[in-house]
Amino acid sequence: MDYQEKTVLLKNGSPCLIRRPEAADAEGLLRFQKETSGETSYLAVGPEDIDWTAEQQAKRIEGWNDSPGRLRLLAEVDGELAGVAIVYANNPQTRLRHRCCVDITLYRRFWGMGIGTALLGEVLDSAKAAGYGQAELEVVSANAPAIGLYKKLGFAAIGTLPRALKYQDGTYADFLLMVKPL
C-alpha cells in the first residue's frame, strides 16, 4: 500500500512525523511492542507474546512494506516512537475483500495528544485509497478513551464478543466490535 510520509501538528503544537517503518526500525519496534503490551491490559498481545528477534522483525517490516493490501505506520515525536497503526485485509475471498482490519497502539505517555487521531486518520485514508470499503476493529469494551477516538472517527459499535481476552490471572475482557464505512 502506498504512503508518503508527512508531518502533522499535535494539540500542543508539536510536530509529529508519520511514516512507514524501515528495517532499521526493527529493534525500536520490538521494544515498543514489549513496552506498550506491558503498559495496559487493553492489548490482545502481552509482553510474553513478543518473542521475535530483530532480524525477524526486519523481515516482517519488509513484508508489510512490499504488500499492496497492508500498511504499517509509525508516529514519531521529537525523534521518539510514539505509536504504531496498521491496516490489513480482513480476508482474501472476493466477496470479503472490501473489508479491512485496523489496529493502533500508543505509548501511554502520548495518549491524549492527538497522535491517535492523526495516525488512525492516515491509515483509514490509505485504506480507502487502496480500495477498501469498510474498516473493522475490536477494542476492549472497558477502553473508553479508545472507543471515544473510534467514534470520533466515524466507527459505530455493532456488537460485543464476550470473554474475548483471557488474562493470566484467569479474568476475562469483552471486545466491542466496531465498523466504519470508507
C-alpha atoms as a PDB file:
ATOM      1  CA  MET A   1       0.000   0.000   0.000  1.00  0.00           C
ATOM      2  CA  ASP A   2       1.366   3.409  -0.894  1.00  0.00           C
ATOM      3  CA  TYR A   3       2.092   6.087   1.666  1.00  0.00           C
ATOM      4  CA  GLN A   4       4.074   9.329   1.595  1.00  0.00           C
ATOM      5  CA  GLU A   5       5.385  10.411   4.989  1.00  0.00           C
ATOM      6  CA  LYS A   6       4.032  13.611   6.445  1.00  0.00           C
ATOM      7  CA  THR A   7       4.284  15.820   9.480  1.00  0.00           C
ATOM      8  CA  VAL A   8       1.159  16.829  11.409  1.00  0.00           C
ATOM      9  CA  LEU A   9       0.807  19.235  14.323  1.00  0.00           C
ATOM     10  CA  LEU A  10      -0.441  17.849  17.601  1.00  0.00           C
ATOM     11  CA  LYS A  11      -2.807  19.535  20.068  1.00  0.00           C
ATOM     12  CA  ASN A  12       0.155  21.106  21.877  1.00  0.00           C
ATOM     13  CA  GLY A  13       1.659  22.404  18.611  1.00  0.00           C
ATOM     14  CA  SER A  14       4.448  19.812  18.490  1.00  0.00           C
ATOM     15  CA  PRO A  15       5.209  18.241  15.109  1.00  0.00           C
ATOM     16  CA  CYS A  16       4.557  14.524  14.678  1.00  0.00           C
ATOM     17  CA  LEU A  17       6.154  12.642  11.799  1.00  0.00           C
ATOM     18  CA  ILE A  18       4.043   9.823  10.344  1.00  0.00           C
ATOM     19  CA  ARG A  19       5.953   7.382   8.160  1.00  0.00           C
ATOM     20  CA  ARG A  20       6.374   3.770   7.154  1.00  0.00           C
ATOM     21  CA  PRO A  21       8.902   1.783   9.178  1.00  0.00           C
ATOM     22  CA  GLU A  22      12.144   0.585   7.661  1.00  0.00           C
ATOM     23  CA  ALA A  23      14.197  -2.499   8.503  1.00  0.00           C
ATOM     24  CA  ALA A  24      16.445  -0.267  10.621  1.00  0.00           C
ATOM     25  CA  ASP A  25      13.425   0.368  12.903  1.00  0.00           C
ATOM     26  CA  ALA A  26      13.165  -3.313  13.875  1.00  0.00           C
ATOM     27  CA  GLU A  27      14.841  -3.035  17.289  1.00  0.00           C
ATOM     28  CA  GLY A  28      12.822   0.039  18.237  1.00  0.00           C
ATOM     29  CA  LEU A  29       9.567  -1.597  17.142  1.00  0.00           C
ATOM     30  CA  LEU A  30      10.306  -4.682  19.222  1.00  0.00           C
ATOM     31  CA  ARG A  31      10.983  -2.506  22.255  1.00  0.00           C
ATOM     32  CA  PHE A  32       7.758  -0.562  21.564  1.00  0.00           C
ATOM     33  CA  GLN A  33       5.694  -3.759  21.327  1.00  0.00           C
ATOM     34  CA  LYS A  34       7.133  -5.196  24.542  1.00  0.00           C
ATOM     35  CA  GLU A  35       6.751  -1.966  26.498  1.00  0.00           C
ATOM     36  CA  THR A  36       3.269  -0.994  25.295  1.00  0.00           C
ATOM     37  CA  SER A  37       1.912  -4.503  25.813  1.00  0.00           C
ATOM     38  CA  GLY A  38       3.043  -4.224  29.427  1.00  0.00           C
ATOM     39  CA  GLU A  39       1.602  -0.737  29.968  1.00  0.00           C
ATOM     40  CA  THR A  40      -2.046  -1.679  29.546  1.00  0.00           C
ATOM     41  CA  SER A  41      -4.325  -4.695  29.667  1.00  0.00           C
ATOM     42  CA  TYR A  42      -6.249  -3.382  26.649  1.00  0.00           C
ATOM     43  CA  LEU A  43      -3.997  -5.058  24.074  1.00  0.00           C
ATOM     44  CA  ALA A  44      -4.555  -8.581  22.757  1.00  0.00           C
ATOM     45  CA  VAL A  45      -0.801  -9.192  22.810  1.00  0.00           C
ATOM     46  CA  GLY A  46       1.033  -9.427  26.110  1.00  0.00           C
ATOM     47  CA  PRO A  47       4.763  -8.991  26.700  1.00  0.00           C
ATOM     48  CA  GLU A  48       5.061 -12.780  26.882  1.00  0.00           C
ATOM     49  CA  ASP A  49       3.938 -12.974  23.241  1.00  0.00           C
ATOM     50  CA  ILE A  50       6.739 -10.783  21.867  1.00  0.00           C
ATOM     51  CA  ASP A  51       9.497 -13.269  21.123  1.00  0.00           C
ATOM     52  CA  TRP A  52      10.765 -12.191  17.693  1.00  0.00           C
ATOM     53  CA  THR A  53      14.346 -11.306  17.001  1.00  0.00           C
ATOM     54  CA  ALA A  54      15.317  -8.001  15.428  1.00  0.00           C
ATOM     55  CA  GLU A  55      16.109  -9.898  12.222  1.00  0.00           C
ATOM     56  CA  GLN A  56      12.639 -11.470  12.164  1.00  0.00           C
ATOM     57  CA  GLN A  57      11.063  -8.094  12.845  1.00  0.00           C
ATOM     58  CA  ALA A  58      13.078  -6.531   9.997  1.00  0.00           C
ATOM     59  CA  LYS A  59      11.757  -9.210   7.620  1.00  0.00           C
ATOM     60  CA  ARG A  60       8.191  -8.566   8.848  1.00  0.00           C
ATOM     61  CA  ILE A  61       8.661  -4.848   8.163  1.00  0.00           C
ATOM     62  CA  GLU A  62       9.911  -5.577   4.648  1.00  0.00           C
ATOM     63  CA  GLY A  63       6.962  -7.919   4.056  1.00  0.00           C
ATOM     64  CA  TRP A  64       4.467  -5.308   5.166  1.00  0.00           C
ATOM     65  CA  ASN A  65       6.142  -2.647   3.039  1.00  0.00           C
ATOM     66  CA  ASP A  66       6.027  -4.905  -0.025  1.00  0.00           C
ATOM     67  CA  SER A  67       2.354  -5.820   0.418  1.00  0.00           C
ATOM     68  CA  PRO A  68      -0.266  -3.976  -1.657  1.00  0.00           C
ATOM     69  CA  GLY A  69      -3.002  -4.735   0.895  1.00  0.00           C
ATOM     70  CA  ARG A  70      -1.235  -3.928   4.166  1.00  0.00           C
ATOM     71  CA  LEU A  71       0.220  -0.808   5.719  1.00  0.00           C
ATOM     72  CA  ARG A  72       2.053  -0.124   8.973  1.00  0.00           C
ATOM     73  CA  LEU A  73       2.718   3.468  10.003  1.00  0.00           C
ATOM     74  CA  LEU A  74       4.821   4.913  12.803  1.00  0.00           C
ATOM     75  CA  ALA A  75       4.239   8.186  14.628  1.00  0.00           C
ATOM     76  CA  GLU A  76       7.357   9.926  15.955  1.00  0.00           C
ATOM     77  CA  VAL A  77       7.521  12.947  18.254  1.00  0.00           C
ATOM     78  CA  ASP A  78      10.918  14.586  18.707  1.00  0.00           C
ATOM     79  CA  GLY A  79      12.520  11.518  17.106  1.00  0.00           C
ATOM     80  CA  GLU A  80      10.870   9.159  19.603  1.00  0.00           C
ATOM     81  CA  LEU A  81       8.490   6.410  18.540  1.00  0.00           C
ATOM     82  CA  ALA A  82       5.072   7.321  19.979  1.00  0.00           C
ATOM     83  CA  GLY A  83       2.683   4.984  18.210  1.00  0.00           C
ATOM     84  CA  VAL A  84       2.016   2.422  15.506  1.00  0.00           C
ATOM     85  CA  ALA A  85      -1.086   1.828  13.393  1.00  0.00           C
ATOM     86  CA  ILE A  86      -1.773  -0.933  10.890  1.00  0.00           C
ATOM     87  CA  VAL A  87      -4.343  -1.835   8.293  1.00  0.00           C
ATOM     88  CA  TYR A  88      -4.613  -5.227   6.608  1.00  0.00           C
ATOM     89  CA  ALA A  89      -7.060  -7.287   4.581  1.00  0.00           C
ATOM     90  CA  ASN A  90      -9.756  -8.991   6.585  1.00  0.00           C
ATOM     91  CA  ASN A  91      -9.994 -11.907   4.157  1.00  0.00           C
ATOM     92  CA  PRO A  92      -8.750 -12.771   0.648  1.00  0.00           C
ATOM     93  CA  GLN A  93     -12.082 -14.098  -0.689  1.00  0.00           C
ATOM     94  CA  THR A  94     -13.611 -11.958  -3.437  1.00  0.00           C
ATOM     95  CA  ARG A  95     -16.806 -11.181  -1.543  1.00  0.00           C
ATOM     96  CA  LEU A  96     -14.880 -10.157   1.567  1.00  0.00           C
ATOM     97  CA  ARG A  97     -12.022  -8.164   0.000  1.00  0.00           C
ATOM     98  CA  HIS A  98     -13.722  -4.829   0.623  1.00  0.00           C
ATOM     99  CA  ARG A  99     -13.170  -5.239   4.383  1.00  0.00           C
ATOM    100  CA  CYS A 100     -10.009  -4.366   6.294  1.00  0.00           C
ATOM    101  CA  CYS A 101      -8.932  -4.509   9.912  1.00  0.00           C
ATOM    102  CA  VAL A 102      -7.216  -1.625  11.674  1.00  0.00           C
ATOM    103  CA  ASP A 103      -5.246  -1.510  14.888  1.00  0.00           C
ATOM    104  CA  ILE A 104      -3.438   1.236  16.760  1.00  0.00           C
ATOM    105  CA  THR A 105      -1.156   1.310  19.788  1.00  0.00           C
ATOM    106  CA  LEU A 106       0.430   4.302  21.530  1.00  0.00           C
ATOM    107  CA  TYR A 107       2.788   4.624  24.431  1.00  0.00           C
ATOM    108  CA  ARG A 108       0.675   5.706  27.413  1.00  0.00           C
ATOM    109  CA  ARG A 109       2.673   8.931  27.835  1.00  0.00           C
ATOM    110  CA  PHE A 110       1.474  10.023  24.375  1.00  0.00           C
ATOM    111  CA  TRP A 111      -2.244   9.427  24.997  1.00  0.00           C
ATOM    112  CA  GLY A 112      -4.494  12.464  24.599  1.00  0.00           C
ATOM    113  CA  MET A 113      -2.133  14.483  22.395  1.00  0.00           C
ATOM    114  CA  GLY A 114      -3.936  13.909  19.075  1.00  0.00           C
ATOM    115  CA  ILE A 115      -1.489  11.289  17.811  1.00  0.00           C
ATOM    116  CA  GLY A 116      -4.157   8.583  17.701  1.00  0.00           C
ATOM    117  CA  THR A 117      -6.485  10.769  15.658  1.00  0.00           C
ATOM    118  CA  ALA A 118      -3.749  11.686  13.183  1.00  0.00           C
ATOM    119  CA  LEU A 119      -2.259   8.205  12.889  1.00  0.00           C
ATOM    120  CA  LEU A 120      -5.562   6.370  12.553  1.00  0.00           C
ATOM    121  CA  GLY A 121      -6.794   9.014  10.107  1.00  0.00           C
ATOM    122  CA  GLU A 122      -3.780   8.363   7.892  1.00  0.00           C
ATOM    123  CA  VAL A 123      -4.318   4.602   7.989  1.00  0.00           C
ATOM    124  CA  LEU A 124      -8.018   4.972   7.151  1.00  0.00           C
ATOM    125  CA  ASP A 125      -7.334   7.382   4.271  1.00  0.00           C
ATOM    126  CA  SER A 126      -4.754   4.956   2.866  1.00  0.00           C
ATOM    127  CA  ALA A 127      -7.171   2.032   3.206  1.00  0.00           C
ATOM    128  CA  LYS A 128      -9.851   3.925   1.303  1.00  0.00           C
ATOM    129  CA  ALA A 129      -7.363   4.902  -1.411  1.00  0.00           C
ATOM    130  CA  ALA A 130      -6.341   1.234  -1.698  1.00  0.00           C
ATOM    131  CA  GLY A 131      -9.947   0.278  -2.443  1.00  0.00           C
ATOM    132  CA  TYR A 132     -11.214  -0.938   0.908  1.00  0.00           C
ATOM    133  CA  GLY A 133     -14.856  -0.084   1.595  1.00  0.00           C
ATOM    134  CA  GLN A 134     -15.131  -0.924   5.286  1.00  0.00           C
ATOM    135  CA  ALA A 135     -12.759  -0.758   8.253  1.00  0.00           C
ATOM    136  CA  GLU A 136     -13.268  -3.018  11.255  1.00  0.00           C
ATOM    137  CA  LEU A 137     -11.720  -3.296  14.691  1.00  0.00           C
ATOM    138  CA  GLU A 138     -12.051  -4.962  18.065  1.00  0.00           C
ATOM    139  CA  VAL A 139     -11.495  -2.959  21.243  1.00  0.00           C
ATOM    140  CA  VAL A 140     -11.660  -3.995  24.892  1.00  0.00           C
ATOM    141  CA  SER A 141     -15.098  -2.808  25.994  1.00  0.00           C
ATOM    142  CA  ALA A 142     -13.655  -1.068  29.090  1.00  0.00           C
ATOM    143  CA  ASN A 143     -11.244   1.045  26.996  1.00  0.00           C
ATOM    144  CA  ALA A 144     -13.329   4.240  26.999  1.00  0.00           C
ATOM    145  CA  PRO A 145     -10.591   6.543  25.586  1.00  0.00           C
ATOM    146  CA  ALA A 146     -10.053   4.313  22.540  1.00  0.00           C
ATOM    147  CA  ILE A 147     -13.784   3.869  21.982  1.00  0.00           C
ATOM    148  CA  GLY A 148     -14.158   7.663  22.087  1.00  0.00           C
ATOM    149  CA  LEU A 149     -11.433   8.034  19.453  1.00  0.00           C
ATOM    150  CA  TYR A 150     -13.020   5.442  17.185  1.00  0.00           C
ATOM    151  CA  LYS A 151     -16.466   7.043  17.472  1.00  0.00           C
ATOM    152  CA  LYS A 152     -14.951  10.462  16.731  1.00  0.00           C
ATOM    153  CA  LEU A 153     -13.507   8.995  13.522  1.00  0.00           C
ATOM    154  CA  GLY A 154     -16.850   7.516  12.461  1.00  0.00           C
ATOM    155  CA  PHE A 155     -16.765   3.975  13.802  1.00  0.00           C
ATOM    156  CA  ALA A 156     -20.006   2.503  15.131  1.00  0.00           C
ATOM    157  CA  ALA A 157     -20.339  -0.293  17.674  1.00  0.00           C
ATOM    158  CA  ILE A 158     -22.114  -3.329  16.217  1.00  0.00           C
ATOM    159  CA  GLY A 159     -21.829  -5.893  18.992  1.00  0.00           C
ATOM    160  CA  THR A 160     -19.849  -7.461  21.772  1.00  0.00           C
ATOM    161  CA  LEU A 161     -17.679 -10.554  21.796  1.00  0.00           C
ATOM    162  CA  PRO A 162     -17.823 -11.804  25.391  1.00  0.00           C
ATOM    163  CA  ARG A 163     -14.726 -13.194  27.088  1.00  0.00           C
ATOM    164  CA  ALA A 164     -12.587 -12.295  24.086  1.00  0.00           C
ATOM    165  CA  LEU A 165      -9.389 -11.944  26.130  1.00  0.00           C
ATOM    166  CA  LYS A 166      -8.277 -14.185  28.956  1.00  0.00           C
ATOM    167  CA  TYR A 167      -5.656 -12.755  31.261  1.00  0.00           C
ATOM    168  CA  GLN A 168      -3.031 -14.730  33.136  1.00  0.00           C
ATOM    169  CA  ASP A 169      -4.956 -14.254  36.406  1.00  0.00           C
ATOM    170  CA  GLY A 170      -7.968 -16.059  34.891  1.00  0.00           C
ATOM    171  CA  THR A 171     -10.151 -12.965  34.385  1.00  0.00           C
ATOM    172  CA  TYR A 172     -11.672 -12.008  31.040  1.00  0.00           C
ATOM    173  CA  ALA A 173     -12.361  -8.914  28.986  1.00  0.00           C
ATOM    174  CA  ASP A 174     -15.026  -8.439  26.318  1.00  0.00           C
ATOM    175  CA  PHE A 175     -14.382  -6.956  22.884  1.00  0.00           C
ATOM    176  CA  LEU A 176     -16.596  -4.289  21.401  1.00  0.00           C
ATOM    177  CA  LEU A 177     -16.805  -4.828  17.630  1.00  0.00           C
ATOM    178  CA  MET A 178     -16.775  -1.599  15.606  1.00  0.00           C
ATOM    179  CA  VAL A 179     -17.058  -0.789  11.888  1.00  0.00           C
ATOM    180  CA  LYS A 180     -16.687   2.271   9.685  1.00  0.00           C
ATOM    181  CA  PRO A 181     -17.668   2.614   6.033  1.00  0.00           C
ATOM    182  CA  LEU A 182     -14.843   4.127   3.988  1.00  0.00           C
END
